N, C-alpha and C. Protein backbone atom coordinates (compact mmCIF):
# COMPACT_ATOMS: atom_id res chain seq x y z
N UNK A 1 4.25 2.56 -14.02
CA UNK A 1 5.38 1.94 -13.36
C UNK A 1 5.15 1.89 -11.85
N UNK A 2 5.33 0.72 -11.26
CA UNK A 2 5.22 0.56 -9.81
C UNK A 2 6.59 0.77 -9.19
N UNK A 3 6.71 1.77 -8.33
CA UNK A 3 7.99 2.10 -7.70
C UNK A 3 8.06 1.52 -6.30
N UNK A 4 9.13 0.81 -6.00
CA UNK A 4 9.29 0.10 -4.74
C UNK A 4 10.59 0.53 -4.07
N UNK A 5 10.51 0.81 -2.77
CA UNK A 5 11.71 1.14 -1.99
C UNK A 5 12.02 -0.03 -1.07
N UNK A 6 13.23 -0.57 -1.20
CA UNK A 6 13.70 -1.68 -0.36
C UNK A 6 14.64 -1.12 0.70
N UNK A 7 14.39 -1.44 1.97
CA UNK A 7 15.26 -1.01 3.05
C UNK A 7 15.75 -2.25 3.78
N UNK A 8 17.05 -2.52 3.68
CA UNK A 8 17.62 -3.73 4.28
C UNK A 8 19.09 -3.47 4.56
N UNK A 9 19.55 -3.80 5.75
CA UNK A 9 20.95 -3.53 6.10
C UNK A 9 21.92 -4.55 5.50
N UNK A 10 21.41 -5.55 4.80
CA UNK A 10 22.26 -6.54 4.13
C UNK A 10 22.29 -6.22 2.63
N UNK A 11 23.37 -5.62 2.14
CA UNK A 11 23.45 -5.22 0.72
C UNK A 11 23.19 -6.35 -0.26
N UNK A 12 23.70 -7.54 0.02
CA UNK A 12 23.50 -8.65 -0.93
C UNK A 12 22.02 -9.01 -1.04
N UNK A 13 21.32 -9.01 0.10
CA UNK A 13 19.89 -9.31 0.10
C UNK A 13 19.13 -8.20 -0.63
N UNK A 14 19.45 -6.94 -0.28
CA UNK A 14 18.75 -5.81 -0.88
C UNK A 14 18.94 -5.74 -2.38
N UNK A 15 20.17 -5.90 -2.83
CA UNK A 15 20.46 -5.84 -4.27
C UNK A 15 19.84 -7.02 -4.99
N UNK A 16 19.86 -8.19 -4.35
CA UNK A 16 19.25 -9.37 -4.96
C UNK A 16 17.75 -9.20 -5.12
N UNK A 17 17.12 -8.62 -4.09
CA UNK A 17 15.68 -8.37 -4.15
C UNK A 17 15.36 -7.35 -5.24
N UNK A 18 16.18 -6.31 -5.31
CA UNK A 18 15.98 -5.28 -6.35
C UNK A 18 16.05 -5.91 -7.74
N UNK A 19 17.03 -6.79 -7.95
CA UNK A 19 17.20 -7.44 -9.26
C UNK A 19 15.98 -8.29 -9.60
N UNK A 20 15.44 -9.01 -8.62
CA UNK A 20 14.25 -9.84 -8.85
C UNK A 20 13.07 -8.97 -9.28
N UNK A 21 12.86 -7.89 -8.54
CA UNK A 21 11.72 -7.01 -8.82
C UNK A 21 11.83 -6.38 -10.20
N UNK A 22 13.03 -5.95 -10.55
CA UNK A 22 13.19 -5.22 -11.81
C UNK A 22 13.18 -6.12 -13.04
N UNK A 23 13.06 -7.43 -12.83
CA UNK A 23 12.84 -8.33 -13.96
C UNK A 23 11.45 -8.15 -14.53
N UNK A 24 10.56 -7.55 -13.73
CA UNK A 24 9.21 -7.27 -14.19
C UNK A 24 9.19 -5.93 -14.92
N UNK A 25 8.60 -5.90 -16.09
CA UNK A 25 8.65 -4.72 -16.95
C UNK A 25 8.00 -3.49 -16.32
N UNK A 26 7.01 -3.71 -15.46
CA UNK A 26 6.27 -2.57 -14.91
C UNK A 26 6.66 -2.25 -13.48
N UNK A 27 7.84 -2.74 -13.04
CA UNK A 27 8.29 -2.47 -11.68
C UNK A 27 9.71 -1.90 -11.67
N UNK A 28 9.92 -0.92 -10.80
CA UNK A 28 11.25 -0.34 -10.59
C UNK A 28 11.52 -0.32 -9.10
N UNK A 29 12.75 -0.66 -8.70
CA UNK A 29 13.07 -0.74 -7.28
C UNK A 29 14.31 0.08 -6.95
N UNK A 30 14.27 0.70 -5.78
CA UNK A 30 15.41 1.43 -5.23
C UNK A 30 15.80 0.75 -3.92
N UNK A 31 17.09 0.54 -3.73
CA UNK A 31 17.56 -0.11 -2.51
C UNK A 31 18.42 0.84 -1.68
N UNK A 32 18.13 0.92 -0.38
CA UNK A 32 19.00 1.66 0.53
C UNK A 32 19.27 0.77 1.75
N UNK A 33 20.51 0.83 2.23
CA UNK A 33 20.92 -0.02 3.35
C UNK A 33 20.84 0.70 4.68
N UNK A 34 20.78 2.02 4.67
CA UNK A 34 20.77 2.80 5.90
C UNK A 34 19.36 3.28 6.20
N UNK A 35 18.73 2.70 7.21
CA UNK A 35 17.35 3.06 7.56
C UNK A 35 17.22 4.52 7.97
N UNK A 36 18.32 5.11 8.43
CA UNK A 36 18.27 6.50 8.89
C UNK A 36 18.06 7.49 7.75
N UNK A 37 18.26 7.04 6.51
CA UNK A 37 18.11 7.94 5.37
C UNK A 37 16.72 7.84 4.72
N UNK A 38 15.88 6.95 5.24
CA UNK A 38 14.58 6.71 4.60
C UNK A 38 13.73 7.97 4.54
N UNK A 39 13.65 8.70 5.65
CA UNK A 39 12.81 9.91 5.68
C UNK A 39 13.25 10.89 4.60
N UNK A 40 14.55 11.09 4.47
CA UNK A 40 15.06 12.03 3.47
C UNK A 40 14.73 11.56 2.06
N UNK A 41 14.86 10.26 1.83
CA UNK A 41 14.59 9.70 0.50
C UNK A 41 13.13 9.87 0.11
N UNK A 42 12.21 9.56 1.02
CA UNK A 42 10.79 9.58 0.64
C UNK A 42 10.20 10.99 0.70
N UNK A 43 10.94 11.95 1.23
CA UNK A 43 10.50 13.34 1.13
C UNK A 43 10.68 13.85 -0.29
N UNK A 44 11.60 13.20 -1.02
CA UNK A 44 11.90 13.62 -2.39
C UNK A 44 11.11 12.83 -3.43
N UNK A 45 10.69 11.62 -3.07
CA UNK A 45 9.98 10.78 -4.04
C UNK A 45 9.01 9.86 -3.32
N UNK A 46 7.80 9.71 -3.87
CA UNK A 46 6.80 8.82 -3.31
C UNK A 46 6.93 7.44 -3.94
N UNK A 47 6.84 6.41 -3.11
CA UNK A 47 6.92 5.04 -3.59
C UNK A 47 5.57 4.35 -3.41
N UNK A 48 5.29 3.40 -4.29
CA UNK A 48 4.03 2.67 -4.22
C UNK A 48 4.07 1.61 -3.14
N UNK A 49 5.23 1.01 -2.93
CA UNK A 49 5.39 -0.03 -1.92
C UNK A 49 6.74 0.15 -1.22
N UNK A 50 6.72 -0.07 0.10
CA UNK A 50 7.95 -0.05 0.89
C UNK A 50 8.19 -1.46 1.41
N UNK A 51 9.33 -2.04 1.07
CA UNK A 51 9.70 -3.38 1.47
C UNK A 51 10.76 -3.26 2.57
N UNK A 52 10.36 -3.49 3.82
CA UNK A 52 11.19 -3.12 4.97
C UNK A 52 11.66 -4.35 5.76
N UNK A 53 12.97 -4.40 6.00
CA UNK A 53 13.52 -5.46 6.85
C UNK A 53 13.03 -5.26 8.28
N UNK A 54 12.78 -6.35 8.99
CA UNK A 54 12.27 -6.23 10.36
C UNK A 54 13.37 -5.87 11.36
N UNK A 55 14.53 -6.50 11.23
CA UNK A 55 15.62 -6.29 12.19
C UNK A 55 16.79 -5.58 11.52
N UNK A 56 17.10 -4.36 11.96
CA UNK A 56 18.23 -3.59 11.45
C UNK A 56 18.98 -2.97 12.62
N UNK A 57 20.26 -2.65 12.46
CA UNK A 57 21.09 -2.19 13.58
C UNK A 57 20.60 -0.91 14.25
N UNK A 58 20.18 0.09 13.48
CA UNK A 58 19.84 1.40 14.06
C UNK A 58 18.37 1.57 14.37
N UNK A 59 17.54 0.73 13.78
CA UNK A 59 16.09 0.82 14.03
C UNK A 59 15.49 -0.54 13.72
N UNK A 60 14.19 -0.66 13.81
CA UNK A 60 13.54 -1.93 13.45
C UNK A 60 12.35 -1.63 12.53
N UNK A 61 11.82 -2.68 11.94
CA UNK A 61 10.73 -2.50 10.99
C UNK A 61 9.50 -1.87 11.57
N UNK A 62 9.27 -2.07 12.86
CA UNK A 62 8.08 -1.50 13.51
C UNK A 62 8.19 0.02 13.57
N UNK A 63 9.32 0.51 14.09
CA UNK A 63 9.51 1.96 14.21
C UNK A 63 9.62 2.61 12.84
N UNK A 64 10.28 1.93 11.90
CA UNK A 64 10.44 2.50 10.57
C UNK A 64 9.09 2.59 9.86
N UNK A 65 8.23 1.60 10.06
CA UNK A 65 6.88 1.64 9.49
C UNK A 65 6.12 2.86 10.00
N UNK A 66 6.19 3.09 11.30
CA UNK A 66 5.53 4.26 11.89
C UNK A 66 6.07 5.55 11.29
N UNK A 67 7.40 5.63 11.12
CA UNK A 67 8.02 6.85 10.58
C UNK A 67 7.59 7.11 9.14
N UNK A 68 7.53 6.03 8.35
CA UNK A 68 7.11 6.17 6.95
C UNK A 68 5.67 6.66 6.88
N UNK A 69 4.81 6.09 7.70
CA UNK A 69 3.39 6.46 7.67
C UNK A 69 3.15 7.87 8.19
N UNK A 70 4.04 8.40 8.99
CA UNK A 70 3.92 9.79 9.41
C UNK A 70 4.15 10.73 8.23
N UNK A 71 5.05 10.32 7.33
CA UNK A 71 5.34 11.12 6.15
C UNK A 71 4.33 10.85 5.04
N UNK A 72 4.00 9.58 4.84
CA UNK A 72 3.05 9.17 3.80
C UNK A 72 1.98 8.27 4.43
N UNK A 73 0.89 8.87 4.94
CA UNK A 73 -0.14 8.10 5.66
C UNK A 73 -0.77 6.98 4.86
N UNK A 74 -0.71 7.05 3.53
CA UNK A 74 -1.33 6.02 2.70
C UNK A 74 -0.32 4.99 2.20
N UNK A 75 0.88 5.00 2.78
CA UNK A 75 1.94 4.11 2.31
C UNK A 75 1.56 2.64 2.46
N UNK A 76 2.01 1.84 1.50
CA UNK A 76 1.87 0.39 1.56
C UNK A 76 3.20 -0.18 2.03
N UNK A 77 3.24 -0.66 3.27
CA UNK A 77 4.49 -1.14 3.87
C UNK A 77 4.43 -2.64 4.07
N UNK A 78 5.37 -3.35 3.45
CA UNK A 78 5.48 -4.80 3.62
C UNK A 78 6.72 -5.11 4.44
N UNK A 79 6.59 -5.94 5.46
CA UNK A 79 7.72 -6.35 6.28
C UNK A 79 8.39 -7.54 5.62
N UNK A 80 9.68 -7.41 5.37
CA UNK A 80 10.47 -8.41 4.64
C UNK A 80 11.48 -9.01 5.61
N UNK A 81 11.29 -10.24 6.00
CA UNK A 81 12.12 -10.79 7.08
C UNK A 81 12.36 -12.28 6.94
N UNK A 82 13.44 -12.73 7.56
CA UNK A 82 13.73 -14.15 7.59
C UNK A 82 13.37 -14.76 8.92
N UNK A 83 12.82 -13.93 9.81
CA UNK A 83 12.46 -14.39 11.16
C UNK A 83 10.97 -14.72 11.24
N UNK A 84 10.60 -15.42 12.29
CA UNK A 84 9.20 -15.73 12.57
C UNK A 84 8.47 -14.42 12.89
N UNK A 85 7.43 -14.13 12.15
CA UNK A 85 6.72 -12.87 12.30
C UNK A 85 5.69 -12.91 13.44
N UNK A 86 5.29 -14.11 13.87
CA UNK A 86 4.20 -14.24 14.84
C UNK A 86 4.41 -13.44 16.12
N UNK A 87 5.62 -13.46 16.74
CA UNK A 87 5.79 -12.72 18.00
C UNK A 87 5.61 -11.21 17.85
N UNK A 88 5.76 -10.72 16.62
CA UNK A 88 5.69 -9.28 16.39
C UNK A 88 4.40 -8.86 15.69
N UNK A 89 3.52 -9.83 15.42
CA UNK A 89 2.36 -9.56 14.57
C UNK A 89 1.51 -8.39 15.06
N UNK A 90 1.09 -8.41 16.31
CA UNK A 90 0.21 -7.36 16.81
C UNK A 90 0.87 -5.99 16.77
N UNK A 91 2.16 -5.93 17.12
CA UNK A 91 2.88 -4.66 17.09
C UNK A 91 2.99 -4.11 15.67
N UNK A 92 3.21 -5.01 14.72
CA UNK A 92 3.31 -4.58 13.33
C UNK A 92 1.97 -4.10 12.78
N UNK A 93 0.89 -4.78 13.18
CA UNK A 93 -0.43 -4.34 12.76
C UNK A 93 -0.76 -2.97 13.35
N UNK A 94 -0.41 -2.80 14.62
CA UNK A 94 -0.65 -1.51 15.28
C UNK A 94 0.18 -0.40 14.63
N UNK A 95 1.37 -0.77 14.15
CA UNK A 95 2.25 0.23 13.51
C UNK A 95 1.73 0.64 12.14
N UNK A 96 0.89 -0.21 11.52
CA UNK A 96 0.31 0.13 10.22
C UNK A 96 0.86 -0.67 9.06
N UNK A 97 1.59 -1.76 9.33
CA UNK A 97 2.12 -2.58 8.23
C UNK A 97 0.97 -3.18 7.42
N UNK A 98 1.18 -3.26 6.11
CA UNK A 98 0.16 -3.80 5.22
C UNK A 98 0.20 -5.32 5.15
N UNK A 99 1.41 -5.88 5.27
CA UNK A 99 1.53 -7.32 5.16
C UNK A 99 2.97 -7.76 5.36
N UNK A 100 3.24 -9.02 5.05
CA UNK A 100 4.55 -9.61 5.32
C UNK A 100 4.98 -10.48 4.15
N UNK A 101 6.29 -10.62 3.99
CA UNK A 101 6.82 -11.57 3.02
C UNK A 101 8.15 -12.09 3.55
N UNK A 102 8.36 -13.38 3.43
CA UNK A 102 9.57 -14.01 3.93
C UNK A 102 10.72 -13.84 2.94
N UNK A 103 11.93 -13.71 3.47
CA UNK A 103 13.11 -13.62 2.61
C UNK A 103 13.40 -14.95 1.94
N UNK A 104 12.73 -16.00 2.37
CA UNK A 104 12.89 -17.30 1.72
C UNK A 104 11.84 -17.51 0.63
N UNK A 105 10.98 -16.52 0.41
CA UNK A 105 9.94 -16.64 -0.62
C UNK A 105 10.59 -16.71 -2.00
N UNK A 106 9.94 -17.41 -2.91
CA UNK A 106 10.42 -17.47 -4.29
C UNK A 106 10.16 -16.14 -4.97
N UNK A 107 10.85 -15.85 -6.08
CA UNK A 107 10.59 -14.61 -6.81
C UNK A 107 9.12 -14.44 -7.16
N UNK A 108 8.46 -15.53 -7.55
CA UNK A 108 7.04 -15.45 -7.90
C UNK A 108 6.20 -15.08 -6.69
N UNK A 109 6.53 -15.64 -5.53
CA UNK A 109 5.79 -15.32 -4.31
C UNK A 109 5.99 -13.87 -3.92
N UNK A 110 7.22 -13.38 -4.03
CA UNK A 110 7.53 -11.99 -3.70
C UNK A 110 6.70 -11.03 -4.55
N UNK A 111 6.69 -11.26 -5.85
CA UNK A 111 5.93 -10.39 -6.76
C UNK A 111 4.44 -10.49 -6.48
N UNK A 112 3.96 -11.69 -6.17
CA UNK A 112 2.53 -11.87 -5.86
C UNK A 112 2.14 -11.06 -4.63
N UNK A 113 2.98 -11.11 -3.58
CA UNK A 113 2.69 -10.37 -2.36
C UNK A 113 2.64 -8.87 -2.64
N UNK A 114 3.57 -8.37 -3.45
CA UNK A 114 3.59 -6.94 -3.78
C UNK A 114 2.33 -6.55 -4.53
N UNK A 115 1.95 -7.34 -5.53
CA UNK A 115 0.75 -7.01 -6.31
C UNK A 115 -0.51 -7.08 -5.45
N UNK A 116 -0.58 -8.06 -4.58
CA UNK A 116 -1.75 -8.19 -3.70
C UNK A 116 -1.84 -6.99 -2.77
N UNK A 117 -0.71 -6.56 -2.21
CA UNK A 117 -0.70 -5.42 -1.30
C UNK A 117 -1.22 -4.17 -2.00
N UNK A 118 -0.87 -3.98 -3.25
CA UNK A 118 -1.33 -2.82 -4.00
C UNK A 118 -2.84 -2.87 -4.27
N UNK A 119 -3.39 -4.07 -4.27
CA UNK A 119 -4.83 -4.22 -4.46
C UNK A 119 -5.59 -4.22 -3.13
N UNK A 120 -4.85 -3.99 -2.05
CA UNK A 120 -5.49 -4.00 -0.74
C UNK A 120 -5.75 -5.39 -0.22
N UNK A 121 -5.03 -6.38 -0.76
CA UNK A 121 -5.16 -7.76 -0.33
C UNK A 121 -3.90 -8.17 0.43
N UNK A 122 -4.02 -9.19 1.26
CA UNK A 122 -2.89 -9.64 2.07
C UNK A 122 -2.65 -11.13 1.87
N UNK A 123 -1.38 -11.48 1.67
CA UNK A 123 -0.99 -12.88 1.62
C UNK A 123 -0.37 -13.22 2.97
N UNK A 124 -1.00 -14.13 3.70
CA UNK A 124 -0.54 -14.48 5.06
C UNK A 124 0.05 -15.88 5.05
N UNK A 125 1.28 -16.06 5.54
CA UNK A 125 1.86 -17.40 5.63
C UNK A 125 0.94 -18.32 6.43
N UNK A 126 0.80 -19.57 5.98
CA UNK A 126 -0.14 -20.50 6.61
C UNK A 126 0.14 -20.67 8.09
N UNK A 127 1.41 -20.79 8.46
CA UNK A 127 1.75 -20.99 9.86
C UNK A 127 1.31 -19.82 10.72
N UNK A 128 1.47 -18.60 10.17
CA UNK A 128 1.03 -17.42 10.90
C UNK A 128 -0.49 -17.39 10.99
N UNK A 129 -1.15 -17.73 9.90
CA UNK A 129 -2.61 -17.71 9.88
C UNK A 129 -3.18 -18.58 10.99
N UNK A 130 -2.54 -19.72 11.24
CA UNK A 130 -3.02 -20.64 12.26
C UNK A 130 -2.87 -20.07 13.67
N UNK A 131 -1.96 -19.09 13.82
CA UNK A 131 -1.69 -18.55 15.14
C UNK A 131 -2.49 -17.28 15.45
N UNK A 132 -3.08 -16.69 14.42
CA UNK A 132 -3.76 -15.41 14.62
C UNK A 132 -5.00 -15.56 15.49
N UNK A 133 -5.24 -14.53 16.25
CA UNK A 133 -6.43 -14.51 17.09
C UNK A 133 -7.69 -14.41 16.22
N UNK A 134 -8.75 -14.98 16.69
CA UNK A 134 -10.01 -14.93 15.96
C UNK A 134 -10.54 -13.51 15.90
N UNK A 135 -11.10 -13.17 14.76
CA UNK A 135 -11.66 -11.84 14.58
C UNK A 135 -13.04 -11.78 15.20
N UNK A 136 -13.35 -10.69 15.86
CA UNK A 136 -14.68 -10.49 16.43
C UNK A 136 -15.69 -10.40 15.28
N UNK A 137 -16.58 -11.36 15.20
CA UNK A 137 -17.50 -11.40 14.07
C UNK A 137 -18.44 -10.20 14.02
N UNK A 138 -18.58 -9.51 15.13
CA UNK A 138 -19.46 -8.35 15.14
C UNK A 138 -18.90 -7.21 14.30
N UNK A 139 -17.58 -7.26 14.03
CA UNK A 139 -16.96 -6.19 13.26
C UNK A 139 -17.02 -6.45 11.77
N UNK A 140 -17.49 -7.64 11.38
CA UNK A 140 -17.52 -7.97 9.96
C UNK A 140 -18.71 -7.33 9.26
N UNK A 141 -18.52 -6.98 8.00
CA UNK A 141 -19.58 -6.40 7.18
C UNK A 141 -20.01 -7.43 6.16
N UNK A 142 -21.29 -7.52 5.88
CA UNK A 142 -21.78 -8.49 4.91
C UNK A 142 -21.08 -8.30 3.57
N UNK A 143 -20.61 -9.43 3.01
CA UNK A 143 -19.90 -9.38 1.75
C UNK A 143 -20.81 -8.82 0.66
N UNK A 144 -20.26 -7.90 -0.16
CA UNK A 144 -21.02 -7.34 -1.27
C UNK A 144 -21.87 -6.15 -0.91
N UNK A 145 -21.92 -5.79 0.39
CA UNK A 145 -22.71 -4.64 0.80
C UNK A 145 -21.80 -3.53 1.27
N UNK A 146 -21.60 -2.48 0.48
CA UNK A 146 -20.70 -1.40 0.87
C UNK A 146 -21.16 -0.73 2.15
N UNK A 147 -20.23 -0.51 3.07
CA UNK A 147 -20.56 0.08 4.37
C UNK A 147 -20.51 1.60 4.26
N UNK A 148 -21.45 2.18 3.53
CA UNK A 148 -21.42 3.61 3.22
C UNK A 148 -21.67 4.48 4.44
N UNK A 149 -22.32 3.93 5.45
CA UNK A 149 -22.56 4.73 6.65
C UNK A 149 -21.27 5.14 7.32
N UNK A 150 -20.21 4.34 7.18
CA UNK A 150 -18.93 4.63 7.79
C UNK A 150 -17.85 4.83 6.73
N UNK A 151 -18.26 5.11 5.51
CA UNK A 151 -17.33 5.15 4.39
C UNK A 151 -16.37 6.33 4.47
N UNK A 152 -15.12 6.05 4.28
CA UNK A 152 -14.11 7.10 4.13
C UNK A 152 -13.19 6.69 2.99
N UNK A 153 -12.57 7.68 2.37
CA UNK A 153 -11.58 7.43 1.33
C UNK A 153 -10.23 7.90 1.84
N UNK A 154 -9.19 7.17 1.49
CA UNK A 154 -7.85 7.60 1.85
C UNK A 154 -7.50 8.85 1.03
N UNK A 155 -6.44 9.51 1.44
CA UNK A 155 -6.03 10.72 0.71
C UNK A 155 -5.74 10.41 -0.76
N UNK A 156 -5.05 9.29 -1.03
CA UNK A 156 -4.74 8.92 -2.40
C UNK A 156 -6.01 8.63 -3.19
N UNK A 157 -6.93 7.89 -2.57
CA UNK A 157 -8.17 7.54 -3.25
C UNK A 157 -8.97 8.80 -3.58
N UNK A 158 -8.98 9.75 -2.66
CA UNK A 158 -9.72 10.99 -2.89
C UNK A 158 -9.08 11.79 -4.01
N UNK A 159 -7.74 11.89 -4.00
CA UNK A 159 -7.04 12.64 -5.04
C UNK A 159 -7.28 12.02 -6.41
N UNK A 160 -7.26 10.69 -6.47
CA UNK A 160 -7.50 10.01 -7.75
C UNK A 160 -8.93 10.24 -8.23
N UNK A 161 -9.88 10.15 -7.31
CA UNK A 161 -11.28 10.35 -7.68
C UNK A 161 -11.53 11.79 -8.11
N UNK A 162 -10.83 12.73 -7.50
CA UNK A 162 -10.95 14.12 -7.92
C UNK A 162 -10.41 14.31 -9.33
N UNK A 163 -9.37 13.54 -9.67
CA UNK A 163 -8.86 13.58 -11.04
C UNK A 163 -9.88 13.04 -12.02
N UNK A 164 -10.57 11.98 -11.62
CA UNK A 164 -11.65 11.42 -12.45
C UNK A 164 -12.75 12.46 -12.64
N UNK A 165 -13.09 13.16 -11.56
CA UNK A 165 -14.11 14.21 -11.62
C UNK A 165 -13.75 15.28 -12.63
N UNK A 166 -12.46 15.59 -12.75
CA UNK A 166 -11.99 16.62 -13.69
C UNK A 166 -11.83 16.08 -15.11
N UNK A 167 -12.17 14.80 -15.32
CA UNK A 167 -12.14 14.24 -16.66
C UNK A 167 -10.78 13.74 -17.10
N UNK A 168 -9.85 13.55 -16.14
CA UNK A 168 -8.51 13.09 -16.50
C UNK A 168 -8.50 11.58 -16.74
N UNK A 169 -7.65 11.14 -17.63
CA UNK A 169 -7.47 9.71 -17.84
C UNK A 169 -6.57 9.15 -16.73
N UNK A 170 -6.52 7.82 -16.62
CA UNK A 170 -5.64 7.22 -15.62
C UNK A 170 -4.19 7.63 -15.83
N UNK A 171 -3.77 7.71 -17.08
CA UNK A 171 -2.40 8.12 -17.39
C UNK A 171 -2.14 9.55 -16.94
N UNK A 172 -3.10 10.43 -17.17
CA UNK A 172 -2.95 11.83 -16.76
C UNK A 172 -2.94 11.97 -15.24
N UNK A 173 -3.78 11.19 -14.56
CA UNK A 173 -3.82 11.22 -13.10
C UNK A 173 -2.48 10.71 -12.54
N UNK A 174 -1.96 9.63 -13.15
CA UNK A 174 -0.69 9.07 -12.71
C UNK A 174 0.43 10.10 -12.83
N UNK A 175 0.44 10.81 -13.96
CA UNK A 175 1.47 11.83 -14.18
C UNK A 175 1.34 12.97 -13.16
N UNK A 176 0.11 13.40 -12.90
CA UNK A 176 -0.13 14.52 -11.99
C UNK A 176 0.26 14.17 -10.56
N UNK A 177 0.03 12.91 -10.14
CA UNK A 177 0.30 12.49 -8.77
C UNK A 177 1.64 11.80 -8.61
N UNK A 178 2.41 11.71 -9.72
CA UNK A 178 3.73 11.05 -9.69
C UNK A 178 3.63 9.61 -9.21
N UNK A 179 2.64 8.91 -9.74
CA UNK A 179 2.42 7.51 -9.38
C UNK A 179 2.40 6.67 -10.66
N UNK A 180 2.52 5.35 -10.51
CA UNK A 180 2.42 4.47 -11.66
C UNK A 180 0.98 4.34 -12.12
N UNK A 181 0.77 4.20 -13.44
CA UNK A 181 -0.59 4.08 -13.97
C UNK A 181 -1.26 2.83 -13.40
N UNK A 182 -0.50 1.73 -13.25
CA UNK A 182 -1.07 0.51 -12.69
C UNK A 182 -1.54 0.74 -11.25
N UNK A 183 -0.79 1.56 -10.51
CA UNK A 183 -1.17 1.86 -9.13
C UNK A 183 -2.48 2.64 -9.10
N UNK A 184 -2.64 3.57 -10.04
CA UNK A 184 -3.90 4.33 -10.14
C UNK A 184 -5.06 3.36 -10.38
N UNK A 185 -4.84 2.40 -11.26
CA UNK A 185 -5.89 1.42 -11.56
C UNK A 185 -6.24 0.59 -10.33
N UNK A 186 -5.22 0.19 -9.55
CA UNK A 186 -5.46 -0.57 -8.33
C UNK A 186 -6.31 0.24 -7.35
N UNK A 187 -5.94 1.52 -7.16
CA UNK A 187 -6.67 2.36 -6.22
C UNK A 187 -8.11 2.59 -6.68
N UNK A 188 -8.31 2.74 -7.98
CA UNK A 188 -9.67 2.93 -8.50
C UNK A 188 -10.51 1.67 -8.27
N UNK A 189 -9.90 0.51 -8.48
CA UNK A 189 -10.61 -0.74 -8.25
C UNK A 189 -11.05 -0.85 -6.79
N UNK A 190 -10.14 -0.48 -5.86
CA UNK A 190 -10.47 -0.50 -4.44
C UNK A 190 -11.59 0.48 -4.12
N UNK A 191 -11.53 1.67 -4.75
CA UNK A 191 -12.54 2.69 -4.50
C UNK A 191 -13.90 2.25 -5.02
N UNK A 192 -13.92 1.65 -6.21
CA UNK A 192 -15.17 1.14 -6.78
C UNK A 192 -15.79 0.11 -5.83
N UNK A 193 -14.94 -0.77 -5.28
CA UNK A 193 -15.44 -1.80 -4.36
C UNK A 193 -16.02 -1.17 -3.10
N UNK A 194 -15.35 -0.15 -2.57
CA UNK A 194 -15.83 0.54 -1.38
C UNK A 194 -17.20 1.16 -1.62
N UNK A 195 -17.34 1.77 -2.81
CA UNK A 195 -18.57 2.48 -3.13
C UNK A 195 -19.66 1.57 -3.67
N UNK A 196 -19.30 0.35 -4.04
CA UNK A 196 -20.28 -0.58 -4.60
C UNK A 196 -20.72 -0.17 -5.99
N UNK A 197 -19.76 0.32 -6.81
CA UNK A 197 -20.07 0.76 -8.16
C UNK A 197 -19.17 0.04 -9.16
N UNK A 198 -19.48 0.22 -10.44
CA UNK A 198 -18.70 -0.47 -11.48
C UNK A 198 -18.19 0.48 -12.56
N UNK A 199 -18.45 1.77 -12.42
CA UNK A 199 -17.99 2.71 -13.45
C UNK A 199 -17.52 4.01 -12.81
N UNK A 200 -16.75 4.79 -13.59
CA UNK A 200 -16.23 6.06 -13.10
C UNK A 200 -17.37 7.04 -12.82
N UNK A 201 -18.38 7.04 -13.69
CA UNK A 201 -19.51 7.95 -13.51
C UNK A 201 -20.27 7.62 -12.22
N UNK A 202 -20.52 6.33 -11.99
CA UNK A 202 -21.22 5.91 -10.77
C UNK A 202 -20.41 6.27 -9.53
N UNK A 203 -19.08 6.11 -9.64
CA UNK A 203 -18.21 6.40 -8.51
C UNK A 203 -18.30 7.87 -8.12
N UNK A 204 -18.29 8.76 -9.11
CA UNK A 204 -18.39 10.20 -8.83
C UNK A 204 -19.74 10.53 -8.21
N UNK A 205 -20.80 9.97 -8.75
CA UNK A 205 -22.14 10.23 -8.22
C UNK A 205 -22.27 9.77 -6.77
N UNK A 206 -21.75 8.55 -6.50
CA UNK A 206 -21.85 8.00 -5.15
C UNK A 206 -20.98 8.80 -4.18
N UNK A 207 -19.79 9.21 -4.62
CA UNK A 207 -18.89 9.98 -3.77
C UNK A 207 -19.51 11.34 -3.43
N UNK A 208 -20.16 11.97 -4.40
CA UNK A 208 -20.83 13.24 -4.15
C UNK A 208 -21.98 13.05 -3.16
N UNK A 209 -22.72 11.97 -3.37
CA UNK A 209 -23.89 11.69 -2.53
C UNK A 209 -23.51 11.54 -1.06
N UNK A 210 -22.34 10.96 -0.81
CA UNK A 210 -21.92 10.70 0.57
C UNK A 210 -20.85 11.67 1.05
N UNK A 211 -20.65 12.77 0.31
CA UNK A 211 -19.74 13.81 0.77
C UNK A 211 -18.29 13.38 0.86
N UNK A 212 -17.84 12.56 -0.08
CA UNK A 212 -16.48 12.03 -0.02
C UNK A 212 -15.49 12.81 -0.88
N UNK A 213 -15.97 13.86 -1.55
CA UNK A 213 -15.07 14.71 -2.33
C UNK A 213 -14.92 16.06 -1.64
N UNK A 214 -13.74 16.66 -1.78
CA UNK A 214 -13.48 17.92 -1.11
C UNK A 214 -14.30 19.05 -1.74
N UNK A 215 -14.54 20.07 -0.97
CA UNK A 215 -15.27 21.25 -1.48
C UNK A 215 -14.50 21.89 -2.62
N UNK A 216 -13.17 21.84 -2.52
CA UNK A 216 -12.34 22.45 -3.57
C UNK A 216 -12.56 21.75 -4.90
N UNK A 217 -12.59 20.41 -4.88
CA UNK A 217 -12.75 19.67 -6.13
C UNK A 217 -14.14 19.89 -6.74
N UNK A 218 -15.12 20.23 -5.88
CA UNK A 218 -16.48 20.47 -6.37
C UNK A 218 -16.70 21.93 -6.75
N UNK A 219 -15.62 22.73 -6.66
CA UNK A 219 -15.72 24.14 -7.04
C UNK A 219 -16.54 24.98 -6.09
N UNK A 220 -16.53 24.61 -4.78
CA UNK A 220 -17.36 25.32 -3.80
C UNK A 220 -16.54 26.12 -2.80
N UNK A 221 -15.27 26.35 -3.14
CA UNK A 221 -14.44 27.16 -2.26
C UNK A 221 -14.33 28.57 -2.83
């Protein structure tokens, strides 16, 4: 089950979004209208995706994104807004937002953006794409060649891989980490791509080779 937290000061929008998401069998959504309660809520439960309004009375999506990531550094935060995102793009990227979705998006578009974000992919509105600054080509890595010299795994990816090392199934890992099984599969797919492997056994071998597993998981503490 993919768990999603919606934060929006407009109850009709928030409840409507929740209803759209929960039409999908493998998605569950929680809606809160008060951004000030977000920290308390996510201290009690981890969510796979955070769908955050950009403009709210007591805070804004930029500051709220930063606050969420302080509590959950691996959080997937999508900015959900009816405003032009371009003026805020750089600030949102610096804050750690994963991507954006318009409140005018169709239900199909909304679900697509959520699924893409979980796979580490981003859906960018065409108008915004045209305005983005060009990427420095020197920072690009050749497609298909894992950059193992600078390879790091996120905390979630490491925890999941450690579960694989212990012989747990995806379902067992999901239960242990209080995450959806589909989310575990998404993270494993991303990890395989990072490592340039196609199987769980290869992933463990490559992770050991490059020191990406904790000493505790390797039984060396």
